[in-house]
N, C-alpha and C. Protein backbone atom coordinates (compact mmCIF):
# COMPACT_ATOMS: atom_id res chain seq x y z
N MET A 1 99.55 111.33 69.93
CA MET A 1 98.73 112.45 70.34
C MET A 1 99.44 113.82 71.16
N ALA A 2 100.66 114.53 69.51
CA ALA A 2 101.02 115.26 70.06
C ALA A 2 100.31 116.71 70.48
N HIS A 3 98.95 117.02 69.65
CA HIS A 3 97.29 117.50 70.10
C HIS A 3 96.90 117.06 70.71
N ILE A 4 96.44 116.82 71.73
CA ILE A 4 95.50 115.67 72.34
C ILE A 4 93.69 116.32 72.16
N ASN A 5 93.17 115.25 71.92
CA ASN A 5 91.71 116.26 71.98
C ASN A 5 90.90 115.74 72.78
N GLU A 6 89.94 116.11 73.30
CA GLU A 6 89.42 116.10 73.99
C GLU A 6 88.86 114.81 74.67
N ALA A 7 88.32 113.72 74.09
CA ALA A 7 88.00 112.69 74.07
C ALA A 7 90.00 111.80 75.43
N GLY A 8 90.72 112.27 74.39
CA GLY A 8 92.12 112.11 75.11
C GLY A 8 92.19 113.51 76.14
N VAL A 9 92.14 114.57 77.16
CA VAL A 9 92.46 115.04 78.06
C VAL A 9 90.93 114.03 78.54
N LYS A 10 89.93 113.82 78.53
CA LYS A 10 89.06 114.01 79.82
C LYS A 10 89.42 112.24 79.91
N LYS A 11 89.98 111.24 79.02
CA LYS A 11 90.77 109.95 79.72
C LYS A 11 91.35 110.46 80.40
N ILE A 12 92.46 111.10 80.24
CA ILE A 12 93.74 111.93 81.07
C ILE A 12 93.80 112.02 82.91
N ASN A 13 91.74 112.60 82.34
CA ASN A 13 91.39 113.74 84.04
C ASN A 13 91.13 111.73 84.88
N GLU A 14 91.29 111.23 84.06
CA GLU A 14 89.68 109.72 85.08
C GLU A 14 91.21 108.67 85.38
N ILE A 15 92.09 109.15 84.57
CA ILE A 15 93.75 108.20 85.44
C ILE A 15 93.62 108.40 85.91
N CYS A 16 94.31 110.30 86.34
CA CYS A 16 93.88 111.53 87.46
C CYS A 16 93.12 111.78 89.21
N ASP A 17 91.65 111.55 88.15
CA ASP A 17 90.75 110.88 89.64
C ASP A 17 90.51 109.02 90.11
N ARG A 18 91.52 108.46 89.54
CA ARG A 18 91.62 106.92 89.99
C ARG A 18 92.36 106.58 91.36
N TYR A 19 92.98 108.25 91.66
CA TYR A 19 94.18 108.36 92.38
C TYR A 19 93.75 109.29 93.18
N ILE A 20 93.19 109.64 93.63
CA ILE A 20 92.03 111.67 94.13
C ILE A 20 92.88 110.94 95.98
N GLY A 21 93.13 109.32 96.25
CA GLY A 21 92.61 109.71 97.94
C GLY A 21 94.38 108.78 97.98
N GLU A 22 94.83 108.82 97.01
CA GLU A 22 96.44 108.61 97.56
C GLU A 22 97.07 109.29 97.88
N LYS A 23 97.78 109.27 98.15
CA LYS A 23 99.78 110.08 99.42
C LYS A 23 100.26 110.96 98.51
N THR A 24 100.71 110.78 97.63
CA THR A 24 101.71 109.96 96.07
C THR A 24 101.17 109.33 95.30
N PRO A 25 100.42 110.59 94.48
CA PRO A 25 99.43 109.17 93.29
C PRO A 25 100.62 109.47 92.17
N LEU A 26 101.93 110.34 91.96
CA LEU A 26 102.28 110.71 90.77
C LEU A 26 102.78 108.90 89.67
N MET A 27 103.57 108.05 90.41
CA MET A 27 103.61 106.81 90.06
C MET A 27 103.03 106.04 88.93
N MET A 28 101.70 105.72 89.85
CA MET A 28 100.52 105.32 89.68
C MET A 28 99.71 105.78 88.52
N ILE A 29 100.12 107.33 88.52
CA ILE A 29 98.99 107.93 87.58
C ILE A 29 99.82 108.28 86.47
N LEU A 30 101.04 108.00 86.31
CA LEU A 30 101.77 107.86 85.06
C LEU A 30 102.06 106.46 83.82
N SER A 31 102.27 105.98 85.01
CA SER A 31 102.06 104.43 84.69
C SER A 31 101.37 103.96 84.09
N ASP A 32 100.02 104.29 84.73
CA ASP A 32 97.93 104.13 83.74
C ASP A 32 98.41 104.92 81.92
N ILE A 33 99.25 106.13 82.13
CA ILE A 33 99.07 106.89 81.58
C ILE A 33 100.32 106.23 80.07
N GLN A 34 101.52 106.27 80.83
CA GLN A 34 101.94 105.30 79.65
C GLN A 34 101.69 103.99 78.97
N ASN A 35 100.76 102.87 80.02
CA ASN A 35 100.62 101.72 78.91
C ASN A 35 98.99 102.44 79.57
N GLU A 36 98.65 103.36 79.00
CA GLU A 36 97.64 103.33 77.50
C GLU A 36 97.84 104.22 77.12
N TYR A 37 98.37 105.00 76.26
CA TYR A 37 99.32 105.64 75.38
C TYR A 37 101.02 105.03 74.76
N GLY A 38 101.60 104.57 75.49
CA GLY A 38 102.53 103.22 75.42
C GLY A 38 103.21 105.37 75.45
N TYR A 39 103.68 106.32 75.93
CA TYR A 39 104.47 107.48 76.44
C TYR A 39 103.46 108.73 76.81
N ILE A 40 104.76 109.52 77.34
CA ILE A 40 104.46 110.36 78.67
C ILE A 40 104.98 112.37 77.75
N PRO A 41 104.27 112.88 77.46
CA PRO A 41 104.38 114.11 75.75
C PRO A 41 104.05 115.04 77.45
N LEU A 42 105.47 116.31 77.14
CA LEU A 42 105.01 117.15 77.88
C LEU A 42 103.29 118.08 77.67
N GLU A 43 103.10 118.12 77.15
CA GLU A 43 101.47 118.66 77.01
C GLU A 43 100.26 117.46 77.91
N VAL A 44 101.26 116.09 77.85
CA VAL A 44 100.53 115.07 79.21
C VAL A 44 100.72 115.80 80.81
N GLN A 45 101.95 115.07 80.30
CA GLN A 45 101.82 116.27 81.72
C GLN A 45 101.75 117.43 82.00
N GLN A 46 101.23 118.25 81.72
CA GLN A 46 100.98 119.92 82.01
C GLN A 46 99.91 119.42 82.59
N ILE A 47 98.60 118.28 82.30
CA ILE A 47 96.82 118.22 82.58
C ILE A 47 97.62 117.62 83.64
N VAL A 48 98.38 116.55 83.61
CA VAL A 48 98.32 115.88 85.07
C VAL A 48 98.84 117.40 86.36
N SER A 49 99.86 117.82 85.12
CA SER A 49 99.86 119.40 86.68
C SER A 49 98.79 119.68 87.07
N LYS A 50 98.22 120.81 86.11
CA LYS A 50 96.49 121.05 86.40
C LYS A 50 95.69 119.84 87.08
N LYS A 51 95.52 118.57 86.64
CA LYS A 51 94.47 117.94 87.36
C LYS A 51 95.12 117.75 89.10
N THR A 52 96.34 117.45 88.94
CA THR A 52 96.74 116.70 90.44
C THR A 52 97.61 118.51 91.58
N GLY A 53 97.83 119.07 91.12
CA GLY A 53 98.08 119.89 90.97
C GLY A 53 100.11 119.78 91.66
N ILE A 54 100.52 118.94 91.25
CA ILE A 54 101.76 118.52 91.40
C ILE A 54 102.26 119.24 90.31
N SER A 55 103.82 119.92 90.02
CA SER A 55 104.62 120.93 89.11
C SER A 55 104.89 120.00 87.87
N VAL A 56 105.03 120.89 86.84
CA VAL A 56 105.02 120.42 85.90
C VAL A 56 106.66 119.60 85.99
N ALA A 57 107.56 119.49 86.63
CA ALA A 57 109.09 119.82 87.26
C ALA A 57 109.18 119.41 87.88
N GLU A 58 108.10 118.86 88.36
CA GLU A 58 108.38 117.52 89.06
C GLU A 58 107.70 116.48 88.45
N ILE A 59 107.01 116.03 88.00
CA ILE A 59 106.47 115.53 87.02
C ILE A 59 107.22 114.83 85.87
N TYR A 60 108.27 115.99 84.68
CA TYR A 60 108.84 116.45 84.24
C TYR A 60 110.26 115.21 84.73
N GLY A 61 110.76 115.41 85.66
CA GLY A 61 111.89 114.50 86.40
C GLY A 61 111.08 113.11 86.68
N VAL A 62 110.40 112.43 87.42
CA VAL A 62 109.94 111.27 87.24
C VAL A 62 110.05 110.45 86.15
N VAL A 63 109.11 111.39 84.70
CA VAL A 63 109.04 111.08 84.04
C VAL A 63 110.62 110.65 83.05
N THR A 64 111.85 111.54 83.19
CA THR A 64 112.99 111.74 82.74
C THR A 64 114.33 110.53 84.51
N PHE A 65 113.16 110.41 85.08
CA PHE A 65 113.87 109.38 85.83
C PHE A 65 114.48 108.09 85.44
N TYR A 66 113.04 107.79 85.22
CA TYR A 66 112.96 106.41 85.94
C TYR A 66 112.44 105.82 83.91
N SER A 67 113.06 105.00 83.61
CA SER A 67 113.37 104.94 81.93
C SER A 67 111.97 103.78 81.36
N PHE A 68 111.03 103.45 82.05
CA PHE A 68 109.87 102.68 81.66
C PHE A 68 108.89 103.68 81.83
N PHE A 69 109.12 105.26 81.48
CA PHE A 69 108.57 106.14 81.32
C PHE A 69 109.41 106.62 80.24
N SER A 70 108.72 106.92 78.67
CA SER A 70 108.94 107.40 77.19
C SER A 70 108.73 108.48 77.15
N LEU A 71 109.19 110.09 76.61
CA LEU A 71 108.69 110.54 76.57
C LEU A 71 108.23 111.33 74.95
N GLU A 72 108.93 109.95 74.19
CA GLU A 72 109.42 109.96 73.06
C GLU A 72 107.90 107.97 72.79
N PRO A 73 106.97 108.29 71.63
CA PRO A 73 106.28 106.97 71.38
C PRO A 73 107.63 106.20 71.28
N LYS A 74 107.48 104.79 71.03
CA LYS A 74 107.82 103.86 71.59
C LYS A 74 107.15 102.84 69.66
N GLY A 75 108.13 101.62 69.52
CA GLY A 75 107.74 100.99 68.47
C GLY A 75 106.43 100.12 69.08
N LYS A 76 105.79 99.90 67.81
CA LYS A 76 105.66 98.31 68.50
C LYS A 76 105.88 97.57 68.52
N TYR A 77 107.23 96.92 68.23
CA TYR A 77 107.95 95.72 68.85
C TYR A 77 109.21 96.73 70.04
N VAL A 78 108.70 96.51 71.22
CA VAL A 78 110.17 96.94 72.33
C VAL A 78 111.08 96.07 72.51
N ILE A 79 112.39 96.41 72.47
CA ILE A 79 112.94 95.54 72.24
C ILE A 79 113.92 95.87 73.40
N GLY A 80 114.20 95.36 74.58
CA GLY A 80 115.28 96.03 76.24
C GLY A 80 115.79 94.43 75.60
N CYS A 81 117.22 95.34 75.23
CA CYS A 81 118.86 94.58 76.31
C CYS A 81 118.97 94.80 76.84
N CYS A 82 118.94 93.81 77.61
CA CYS A 82 119.55 94.27 79.15
C CYS A 82 121.11 94.13 79.43
N LEU A 83 121.91 94.96 79.66
CA LEU A 83 123.09 95.39 80.43
C LEU A 83 123.61 95.30 81.70
N GLY A 84 122.65 94.92 81.96
CA GLY A 84 123.22 94.80 83.71
C GLY A 84 124.82 93.60 83.62
N THR A 85 125.90 93.27 84.13
CA THR A 85 126.89 93.07 84.87
C THR A 85 126.33 91.64 83.89
N ALA A 86 125.45 90.64 84.94
CA ALA A 86 125.52 89.12 84.34
C ALA A 86 125.36 89.19 82.38
N CYS A 87 124.92 90.05 82.48
CA CYS A 87 124.38 89.81 81.19
C CYS A 87 125.68 90.94 79.80
N TYR A 88 126.40 91.62 80.78
CA TYR A 88 126.96 92.17 79.58
C TYR A 88 128.06 91.54 80.27
N VAL A 89 128.40 90.87 80.88
CA VAL A 89 130.31 90.08 80.45
C VAL A 89 129.84 87.96 79.65
N LYS A 90 128.32 88.77 79.44
CA LYS A 90 128.20 87.19 78.40
C LYS A 90 127.99 87.40 76.65
N GLY A 91 128.38 89.37 76.91
CA GLY A 91 128.67 89.78 75.33
C GLY A 91 126.75 90.26 74.80
N ALA A 92 126.19 90.56 76.09
CA ALA A 92 125.12 92.11 75.23
C ALA A 92 125.49 92.57 75.14
N GLN A 93 126.48 93.25 75.08
CA GLN A 93 126.88 94.86 74.13
C GLN A 93 126.43 94.19 72.84
N GLN A 94 127.44 93.19 72.39
CA GLN A 94 127.34 92.54 70.84
C GLN A 94 125.82 92.98 70.04
N ILE A 95 125.20 92.14 70.56
CA ILE A 95 123.44 91.90 70.86
C ILE A 95 123.80 92.81 70.85
N ILE A 96 122.86 93.64 71.29
CA ILE A 96 122.89 95.34 71.30
C ILE A 96 122.62 96.06 70.07
N ASP A 97 124.29 96.10 69.57
CA ASP A 97 125.12 96.78 68.54
C ASP A 97 124.56 95.88 67.16
N LYS A 98 124.44 94.61 67.43
CA LYS A 98 123.88 93.45 65.76
C LYS A 98 122.33 93.84 65.78
N PHE A 99 121.49 94.76 66.50
CA PHE A 99 120.13 94.90 66.85
C PHE A 99 120.19 96.23 66.15
N SER A 100 120.70 97.46 66.26
CA SER A 100 121.26 98.69 66.16
C SER A 100 122.44 98.23 64.26
N GLU A 101 122.57 97.87 64.13
CA GLU A 101 123.13 97.51 62.99
C GLU A 101 122.09 97.10 61.77
N ILE A 102 120.99 95.57 62.34
CA ILE A 102 120.24 95.47 61.68
C ILE A 102 119.16 95.85 60.99
N LEU A 103 118.44 96.66 62.23
CA LEU A 103 117.69 98.12 62.05
C LEU A 103 117.64 98.92 61.92
N GLY A 104 118.86 99.46 61.69
CA GLY A 104 119.38 101.12 61.28
C GLY A 104 119.20 101.95 61.94
N ILE A 105 119.12 101.05 63.79
CA ILE A 105 118.98 102.58 64.96
C ILE A 105 119.42 102.89 65.87
N LYS A 106 119.74 103.31 67.20
CA LYS A 106 120.64 103.52 68.11
C LYS A 106 119.69 102.89 68.91
N PRO A 107 119.92 102.38 70.21
CA PRO A 107 119.14 102.19 71.63
C PRO A 107 118.17 103.59 71.50
N GLY A 108 117.64 104.05 71.84
CA GLY A 108 116.50 104.18 73.19
C GLY A 108 115.92 105.02 71.27
N GLN A 109 115.76 104.37 70.44
CA GLN A 109 115.35 104.62 68.38
C GLN A 109 114.83 104.02 68.27
N THR A 110 113.31 104.51 68.09
CA THR A 110 112.32 104.16 66.94
C THR A 110 112.51 104.09 65.49
N THR A 111 112.27 103.08 64.77
CA THR A 111 111.78 102.42 63.29
C THR A 111 111.21 103.61 62.92
N ALA A 112 111.73 104.18 61.08
CA ALA A 112 110.75 104.61 60.80
C ALA A 112 109.20 104.26 60.34
N ASP A 113 109.20 103.18 60.47
CA ASP A 113 108.22 102.75 60.04
C ASP A 113 107.04 102.48 61.08
N GLY A 114 108.15 102.69 63.11
CA GLY A 114 107.33 102.42 63.85
C GLY A 114 107.32 101.10 64.20
N LEU A 115 107.82 100.26 63.75
CA LEU A 115 107.76 98.71 64.13
C LEU A 115 108.73 98.43 66.19
N PHE A 116 109.72 99.09 65.09
CA PHE A 116 110.67 99.05 66.85
C PHE A 116 111.35 99.86 67.37
N THR A 117 112.08 99.86 68.38
CA THR A 117 112.52 100.73 69.69
C THR A 117 113.37 99.34 70.03
N ILE A 118 114.97 99.93 70.27
CA ILE A 118 115.92 99.39 71.38
C ILE A 118 115.08 100.12 71.93
N ASP A 119 115.72 99.66 72.84
CA ASP A 119 115.88 99.96 73.79
C ASP A 119 117.22 99.36 75.62
N ALA A 120 117.88 99.99 76.08
CA ALA A 120 119.65 99.77 76.58
C ALA A 120 118.55 99.42 77.63
N LEU A 121 118.69 98.16 78.77
CA LEU A 121 118.24 98.31 80.43
C LEU A 121 118.87 97.73 81.36
N ARG A 122 119.19 98.83 82.23
CA ARG A 122 119.43 97.94 83.49
C ARG A 122 119.27 96.15 83.31
N CYS A 123 120.34 95.57 84.48
CA CYS A 123 119.63 95.00 85.05
C CYS A 123 117.94 93.89 84.80
N ILE A 124 117.62 92.97 84.44
CA ILE A 124 116.32 93.23 84.72
C ILE A 124 115.78 92.66 86.17
N GLY A 125 116.97 90.73 86.04
CA GLY A 125 116.59 90.36 86.66
C GLY A 125 117.00 88.29 86.72
N ALA A 126 117.11 88.73 85.24
CA ALA A 126 117.30 87.45 84.88
C ALA A 126 118.67 87.66 84.68
N CYS A 127 119.71 87.54 85.43
CA CYS A 127 120.62 86.57 85.22
C CYS A 127 121.48 85.71 85.16
N GLY A 128 120.27 84.79 84.79
CA GLY A 128 120.64 83.03 85.23
C GLY A 128 120.65 83.15 83.65
N ILE A 129 120.09 83.37 83.15
CA ILE A 129 120.50 82.77 81.69
C ILE A 129 120.63 84.26 80.25
N ALA A 130 120.90 84.37 81.14
CA ALA A 130 122.04 86.02 80.68
C ALA A 130 122.02 85.09 79.25
N PRO A 131 122.38 86.50 78.56
CA PRO A 131 122.42 87.42 77.61
C PRO A 131 121.22 88.10 77.79
N ALA A 132 120.65 88.33 78.44
CA ALA A 132 118.50 88.42 78.40
C ALA A 132 118.41 89.50 77.15
N VAL A 133 116.89 88.92 76.54
CA VAL A 133 115.58 90.45 75.69
C VAL A 133 114.59 90.34 75.35
N THR A 134 114.21 91.17 75.78
CA THR A 134 112.53 91.21 75.79
C THR A 134 112.13 91.75 74.87
N ILE A 135 111.17 91.20 74.59
CA ILE A 135 110.46 92.31 73.28
C ILE A 135 108.96 91.88 73.74
N ASN A 136 108.18 92.85 73.68
CA ASN A 136 107.13 93.11 74.34
C ASN A 136 106.99 92.79 76.17
N GLY A 137 107.84 92.21 76.16
CA GLY A 137 107.30 91.73 77.42
C GLY A 137 108.06 89.61 77.51
N LYS A 138 109.00 89.19 76.03
CA LYS A 138 108.49 87.90 75.64
C LYS A 138 110.27 87.59 75.97
N VAL A 139 110.36 86.62 77.08
CA VAL A 139 111.39 86.99 77.59
C VAL A 139 112.96 86.21 76.19
N TYR A 140 113.97 85.97 75.85
CA TYR A 140 114.93 85.69 74.87
C TYR A 140 115.98 85.05 75.58
N PRO A 141 115.79 84.53 76.18
CA PRO A 141 116.84 83.77 76.83
C PRO A 141 118.16 83.00 75.92
N LYS A 142 119.39 83.44 76.77
CA LYS A 142 120.79 83.46 76.96
C LYS A 142 120.96 83.69 74.62
N MET A 143 120.54 85.13 75.08
CA MET A 143 120.64 85.78 73.90
C MET A 143 122.04 85.35 72.82
N THR A 144 122.16 84.90 71.41
CA THR A 144 123.38 85.31 70.88
C THR A 144 123.58 85.53 69.50
N VAL A 145 124.73 86.53 69.53
CA VAL A 145 123.94 88.14 68.06
C VAL A 145 123.61 86.72 66.63
N ASP A 146 124.35 85.48 66.85
CA ASP A 146 124.18 84.87 65.80
C ASP A 146 122.17 84.58 65.17
N ALA A 147 121.92 84.72 66.44
CA ALA A 147 120.23 84.30 66.73
C ALA A 147 119.60 85.79 66.13
N VAL A 148 120.01 86.64 66.70
CA VAL A 148 119.22 88.87 66.33
C VAL A 148 119.12 88.74 65.43
N SER A 149 119.68 88.69 63.83
CA SER A 149 118.42 88.10 62.56
C SER A 149 117.19 87.33 62.89
N GLY A 150 117.21 86.57 63.38
CA GLY A 150 116.13 85.04 63.60
C GLY A 150 115.13 85.91 63.84
N VAL A 151 115.29 86.42 64.97
CA VAL A 151 114.33 87.27 66.15
C VAL A 151 113.28 88.87 65.62
N VAL A 152 114.88 89.19 64.55
CA VAL A 152 113.82 90.42 63.61
C VAL A 152 112.78 89.57 62.41
N GLU A 153 113.56 88.64 61.98
CA GLU A 153 113.20 88.13 61.66
C GLU A 153 111.42 87.46 61.79
N GLU A 154 111.30 87.05 62.64
CA GLU A 154 110.40 86.37 63.38
C GLU A 154 109.19 87.28 63.59
N TYR A 155 109.30 88.76 63.62
CA TYR A 155 108.91 89.93 64.52
C TYR A 155 108.10 90.06 62.87
N LEU A 156 109.24 90.56 61.17
CA LEU A 156 109.44 90.97 60.84
C LEU A 156 108.30 89.98 59.77
N ALA A 157 107.64 88.58 59.96
CA ALA A 157 106.95 87.34 60.03
C ALA A 157 105.63 88.11 59.83
N LYS A 158 105.67 88.48 61.33
CA LYS A 158 104.03 89.00 62.03
C LYS A 158 103.10 89.66 61.27
N GLU A 159 104.49 90.95 60.48
CA GLU A 159 103.39 92.26 59.72
C GLU A 159 103.71 92.07 58.82
N GLY A 160 104.51 90.85 57.43
CA GLY A 160 104.05 90.56 56.30
C GLY A 160 105.29 90.45 55.16
N LYS A 161 106.46 90.77 56.37
CA LYS A 161 107.95 91.71 55.11
C LYS A 161 108.58 90.94 55.53
């Protein structure tokens, strides 16, 4: 999406138009754009600014403050490793380290083939099943370091790899 075509600009403007009557539309607009494209680069923020009159600085501040927004494209499979207190004390750091080791990327990065992104998350509200990992919304409860390679293999198999 580095250079947005006319159809992309039109779609972003349509998203902005959905919330014309709202007093504080920014979060809803950004959420819809994130859901549509997977990330919100500066070029898109400029389009939103022009359409809404909200400064690019304010939009950028919101995009960078909330962890569920991204400035960069994410992988097809987003691995969310909870590092909240309950998960952390039950070994979540070792789990995220194992995903990093297997995939060759650090949290916040995406594999070169665009398949996987690792996100370090703060509490996801799954303390009773800690440590918890999510992949595109699917929850893996009571995750162990030994189970990580099997989970990665599961998704590689879906891709025929």
